[in-house]
Amino acid sequence: MKKIAVTLLFLFIVAPLAASYEEALKLYENGKYQESLAILARELDVSKDLDNDAPNYKIRFLAAHNHWKLGNADPVVIHLQRCIDMKNKSIDPYIDLSLFFLEKNRLNDAEACAKKGLQIERNAMLFYVLGEASLKRENFWRAKELLETANSIDPENFASYNALGMALMHLGKYGDANTAFSVALALNAASAEVTNNIGVSLEKLAASQESSGDEKEAAENYKSALAYYRKANELDMENKVILENLNRLKSKNN
């Protein structure tokens, strides 16, 4: 009888915690980040961080993403690092923390975190982070190698194919870049960025063909590039880079 009573008491305590977390998650999904944080702050007992039965890991993980949305850098790092300390064999906080560092252009931190994560698991997103960091450092051959590895592990990550396309374009491999961008677009047809990048790779390919005297192929690729710029502009009419590309090529074709 005593065992049953203890079990019922445990369920009575855990059920409200679960309900509170679900409420905080729903608020996060609806863009109400401060309200979500208020609930999580009430539920987090830092003295139980290393208690496997406590909900602290998922509370901190969600709190980190709320702070991320709000632009609060220090709490993001603190919560995700604590998640790593709590479950150092879980790959998710390594991925998210390295992506956060990458977003903030903290390349050394992003690379260090991704490399630590790769000691746990050969993960596509971590190779993607390393590839993007190399791309930002203008180490294009290294970026190509890392991003190709990421794509071999997960062939459905459009961002990784898009980044690979950028690396290939910088290496002057415009045809290969167009192939990478085309795969990215097949995975995310609504991406104005990828659509624009296909236009850029086609325009650069056309320019190289034009300089080598292949006027017919160049004209076809210029025409295709213009069509992609128009489509990209339709997808994101506020993007000034896309509009500049569109207007530049329109004036060239006139």
Protein backbone atom coordinates (compact mmCIF):
# COMPACT_ATOMS: atom_id res chain seq x y z
CA MET A 1 0.00 0.00 0.00
CA LYS A 2 2.86 2.37 0.90
CA LYS A 3 4.55 1.67 -2.47
CA ILE A 4 1.34 2.53 -4.33
CA ALA A 5 1.01 5.77 -2.37
CA VAL A 6 4.57 6.79 -3.24
CA THR A 7 3.94 6.02 -6.93
CA LEU A 8 0.78 8.11 -6.93
CA LEU A 9 2.62 10.95 -5.23
CA PHE A 10 5.36 10.78 -7.89
CA LEU A 11 2.79 10.93 -10.67
CA PHE A 12 1.04 13.82 -8.95
CA ILE A 13 4.31 15.79 -8.84
CA VAL A 14 5.55 14.92 -12.36
CA ALA A 15 2.27 15.53 -14.19
CA PRO A 16 2.16 19.29 -13.48
CA LEU A 17 5.82 19.58 -14.50
CA ALA A 18 5.10 17.87 -17.80
CA ALA A 19 2.07 20.07 -18.37
CA SER A 20 4.13 23.19 -17.62
CA TYR A 21 6.84 22.16 -20.05
CA GLU A 22 4.31 21.49 -22.78
CA GLU A 23 2.79 24.91 -22.17
CA ALA A 24 6.25 26.51 -22.38
CA LEU A 25 6.96 24.61 -25.60
CA LYS A 26 3.69 25.76 -27.14
CA LEU A 27 4.44 29.37 -26.19
CA TYR A 28 7.88 29.04 -27.83
CA GLU A 29 6.32 27.66 -31.01
CA ASN A 30 3.93 30.62 -31.06
CA GLY A 31 6.75 33.13 -30.71
CA LYS A 32 5.98 34.05 -27.10
CA TYR A 33 9.53 33.62 -25.86
CA GLN A 34 9.41 35.69 -22.67
CA GLU A 35 6.24 33.93 -21.52
CA SER A 36 7.83 30.57 -22.25
CA LEU A 37 10.93 31.54 -20.27
CA ALA A 38 8.83 32.62 -17.30
CA ILE A 39 7.33 29.13 -17.04
CA LEU A 40 10.69 27.41 -17.48
CA ALA A 41 12.29 29.62 -14.81
CA ARG A 42 9.65 28.54 -12.32
CA GLU A 43 10.25 24.86 -13.07
CA LEU A 44 14.06 24.82 -13.15
CA ASP A 45 15.75 23.66 -9.95
CA VAL A 46 19.48 24.09 -10.65
CA SER A 47 20.37 21.90 -7.67
CA LYS A 48 18.98 18.94 -9.64
CA ASP A 49 21.00 19.48 -12.83
CA LEU A 50 22.82 16.19 -12.42
CA ASP A 51 19.73 14.27 -11.30
CA ASN A 52 18.81 11.95 -14.18
CA ASP A 53 15.18 11.92 -13.07
CA ALA A 54 14.86 15.71 -13.12
CA PRO A 55 13.51 17.54 -16.21
CA ASN A 56 16.38 20.05 -16.16
CA TYR A 57 17.96 18.98 -19.44
CA LYS A 58 14.90 19.66 -21.58
CA ILE A 59 14.04 22.78 -19.58
CA ARG A 60 17.51 24.22 -20.20
CA PHE A 61 17.47 23.14 -23.85
CA LEU A 62 14.18 24.95 -24.48
CA ALA A 63 15.31 27.95 -22.44
CA ALA A 64 18.43 28.23 -24.63
CA HIS A 65 16.29 28.39 -27.76
CA ASN A 66 14.02 31.03 -26.26
CA HIS A 67 17.05 33.16 -25.42
CA TRP A 68 18.42 32.51 -28.92
CA LYS A 69 15.24 33.95 -30.43
CA LEU A 70 15.45 36.94 -28.10
CA GLY A 71 19.09 37.59 -28.97
CA ASN A 72 20.42 36.88 -25.48
CA ALA A 73 23.78 35.33 -26.31
CA ASP A 74 25.21 34.56 -22.86
CA PRO A 75 22.20 32.56 -21.58
CA VAL A 76 22.15 30.53 -24.81
CA VAL A 77 25.76 29.46 -24.27
CA ILE A 78 25.26 28.84 -20.53
CA HIS A 79 22.17 26.66 -20.98
CA LEU A 80 23.53 24.63 -23.91
CA GLN A 81 26.90 24.14 -22.23
CA ARG A 82 25.09 22.95 -19.12
CA CYS A 83 23.11 20.53 -21.30
CA ILE A 84 26.43 19.16 -22.58
CA ASP A 85 27.66 18.78 -19.01
CA MET A 86 24.47 16.97 -18.04
CA LYS A 87 24.37 14.61 -21.06
CA ASN A 88 27.81 14.66 -22.63
CA LYS A 89 26.92 11.75 -24.91
CA SER A 90 23.93 13.55 -26.41
CA ILE A 91 24.78 15.13 -29.76
CA ASP A 92 21.97 17.72 -29.88
CA PRO A 93 23.49 20.41 -27.63
CA TYR A 94 26.81 20.17 -29.49
CA ILE A 95 24.98 20.74 -32.78
CA ASP A 96 22.92 23.66 -31.54
CA LEU A 97 25.75 25.36 -29.67
CA SER A 98 28.10 25.08 -32.66
CA LEU A 99 25.37 26.47 -34.94
CA PHE A 100 24.82 29.36 -32.53
CA PHE A 101 28.53 30.16 -32.49
CA LEU A 102 28.59 29.97 -36.30
CA GLU A 103 25.63 32.36 -36.55
CA LYS A 104 27.46 34.83 -34.29
CA ASN A 105 30.63 34.46 -36.38
CA ARG A 106 32.50 33.00 -33.40
CA LEU A 107 34.32 30.64 -35.70
CA ASN A 108 36.91 29.31 -33.27
CA ASP A 109 34.18 28.43 -30.76
CA ALA A 110 31.99 26.88 -33.47
CA GLU A 111 34.83 24.69 -34.73
CA ALA A 112 35.91 23.64 -31.23
CA CYS A 113 32.36 22.66 -30.27
CA ALA A 114 31.76 20.80 -33.54
CA LYS A 115 35.01 18.85 -33.19
CA LYS A 116 34.10 17.80 -29.64
CA GLY A 117 30.72 16.63 -30.89
CA LEU A 118 32.36 14.62 -33.67
CA GLN A 119 34.22 12.65 -31.01
CA ILE A 120 30.80 11.36 -29.96
CA GLU A 121 29.14 10.89 -33.33
CA ARG A 122 30.00 11.28 -37.02
CA ASN A 123 27.25 13.83 -37.56
CA ALA A 124 26.34 15.64 -40.80
CA MET A 125 25.38 18.91 -39.10
CA LEU A 126 28.72 19.12 -37.31
CA PHE A 127 30.58 18.63 -40.59
CA TYR A 128 28.30 21.31 -42.05
CA VAL A 129 29.32 23.71 -39.27
CA LEU A 130 33.00 23.03 -39.95
CA GLY A 131 32.41 23.48 -43.68
CA GLU A 132 30.61 26.79 -43.21
CA ALA A 133 33.36 28.00 -40.89
CA SER A 134 35.97 27.15 -43.54
CA LEU A 135 33.84 28.93 -46.14
CA LYS A 136 33.77 32.06 -43.97
CA ARG A 137 37.55 31.81 -43.61
CA GLU A 138 37.78 31.59 -47.42
CA ASN A 139 39.43 28.18 -47.20
CA PHE A 140 37.32 26.95 -50.10
CA TRP A 141 39.02 23.61 -50.77
CA ARG A 142 38.68 22.64 -47.12
CA ALA A 143 35.06 23.80 -47.12
CA LYS A 144 34.37 21.67 -50.20
CA GLU A 145 35.84 18.59 -48.51
CA LEU A 146 33.90 19.06 -45.27
CA LEU A 147 30.59 19.86 -46.96
CA GLU A 148 30.88 16.87 -49.28
CA THR A 149 31.37 14.73 -46.18
CA ALA A 150 28.28 16.27 -44.60
CA ASN A 151 26.24 15.53 -47.73
CA SER A 152 27.47 11.94 -47.87
CA ILE A 153 26.15 11.40 -44.34
CA ASP A 154 22.89 13.26 -44.82
CA PRO A 155 21.94 13.78 -48.48
CA GLU A 156 18.79 15.74 -47.55
CA ASN A 157 20.28 18.84 -45.91
CA PHE A 158 19.60 21.66 -48.37
CA ALA A 159 21.73 24.16 -46.40
CA SER A 160 24.78 21.95 -46.76
CA TYR A 161 24.32 21.62 -50.53
CA ASN A 162 23.83 25.39 -50.76
CA ALA A 163 27.08 25.98 -48.86
CA LEU A 164 28.86 23.46 -51.08
CA GLY A 165 27.63 25.37 -54.11
CA MET A 166 29.13 28.57 -52.69
CA ALA A 167 32.49 26.86 -52.12
CA LEU A 168 32.51 25.43 -55.66
CA MET A 169 31.59 28.79 -57.14
CA HIS A 170 34.51 30.44 -55.34
CA LEU A 171 36.74 27.73 -56.80
CA GLY A 172 35.53 28.62 -60.30
CA LYS A 173 33.68 25.31 -60.70
CA TYR A 174 30.45 26.92 -61.89
CA GLY A 175 28.90 23.84 -63.46
CA ASP A 176 29.49 21.79 -60.30
CA ALA A 177 28.18 24.69 -58.19
CA ASN A 178 25.01 24.75 -60.27
CA THR A 179 24.53 21.03 -59.63
CA ALA A 180 24.92 21.51 -55.86
CA PHE A 181 22.51 24.45 -55.86
CA SER A 182 20.02 22.46 -57.93
CA VAL A 183 20.03 19.66 -55.34
CA ALA A 184 19.52 22.25 -52.59
CA LEU A 185 16.60 23.74 -54.49
CA ALA A 186 15.05 20.30 -55.03
CA LEU A 187 15.15 19.86 -51.25
CA ASN A 188 13.76 23.35 -50.54
CA ALA A 189 11.94 24.79 -53.53
CA ALA A 190 10.76 27.84 -51.56
CA SER A 191 14.27 29.15 -50.83
CA ALA A 192 14.85 32.52 -52.48
CA GLU A 193 18.52 32.36 -51.47
CA VAL A 194 19.18 29.06 -53.25
CA THR A 195 17.16 30.15 -56.29
CA ASN A 196 19.26 33.32 -56.50
CA ASN A 197 22.48 31.32 -56.10
CA ILE A 198 21.59 29.15 -59.08
CA GLY A 199 21.19 32.36 -61.06
CA VAL A 200 24.60 33.56 -59.89
CA SER A 201 26.33 30.29 -60.81
CA LEU A 202 24.67 30.30 -64.24
CA GLU A 203 25.64 33.93 -64.84
CA LYS A 204 29.26 33.23 -63.91
CA LEU A 205 29.27 30.12 -66.10
CA ALA A 206 27.87 32.20 -68.97
CA ALA A 207 30.55 34.85 -68.49
CA SER A 208 33.31 32.21 -68.64
CA GLN A 209 31.76 30.72 -71.80
CA GLU A 210 31.47 34.17 -73.34
CA SER A 211 35.15 34.90 -72.68
CA SER A 212 36.14 31.60 -74.31
CA GLY A 213 34.07 32.39 -77.42
CA ASP A 214 31.14 30.05 -76.81
CA GLU A 215 28.51 32.72 -77.46
CA LYS A 216 25.57 30.37 -77.99
CA GLU A 217 25.98 28.50 -74.69
CA ALA A 218 26.64 31.77 -72.89
CA ALA A 219 23.41 33.29 -74.23
CA GLU A 220 21.39 30.28 -73.05
CA ASN A 221 22.89 30.40 -69.57
CA TYR A 222 22.36 34.16 -69.27
CA LYS A 223 18.73 33.57 -70.18
CA SER A 224 18.41 30.81 -67.57
CA ALA A 225 20.13 32.96 -64.94
CA LEU A 226 17.66 35.78 -65.56
CA ALA A 227 14.74 33.35 -65.12
CA TYR A 228 16.13 32.22 -61.75
CA TYR A 229 16.63 35.82 -60.62
CA ARG A 230 13.01 36.58 -61.51
CA LYS A 231 11.83 33.54 -59.57
CA ALA A 232 14.01 34.46 -56.57
CA ASN A 233 12.59 37.99 -56.66
CA GLU A 234 9.05 36.58 -56.63
CA LEU A 235 9.94 34.49 -53.57
CA ASP A 236 11.51 37.43 -51.70
CA MET A 237 10.66 40.84 -53.12
CA GLU A 238 12.39 42.65 -50.21
CA ASN A 239 15.82 41.14 -50.87
CA LYS A 240 18.03 43.91 -52.28
CA VAL A 241 20.79 41.56 -53.43
CA ILE A 242 18.36 39.55 -55.54
CA LEU A 243 16.84 42.73 -56.99
CA GLU A 244 20.29 44.06 -57.90
CA ASN A 245 21.13 40.79 -59.65
CA LEU A 246 17.85 40.86 -61.53
CA ASN A 247 18.19 44.49 -62.65
CA ARG A 248 21.84 44.04 -63.65
CA LEU A 249 21.15 41.07 -65.89
CA LYS A 250 17.98 42.64 -67.32
CA SER A 251 19.98 45.68 -68.39
CA LYS A 252 22.67 43.43 -69.90
CA ASN A 253 20.09 41.58 -71.97
CA ASN A 254 18.47 44.78 -73.26
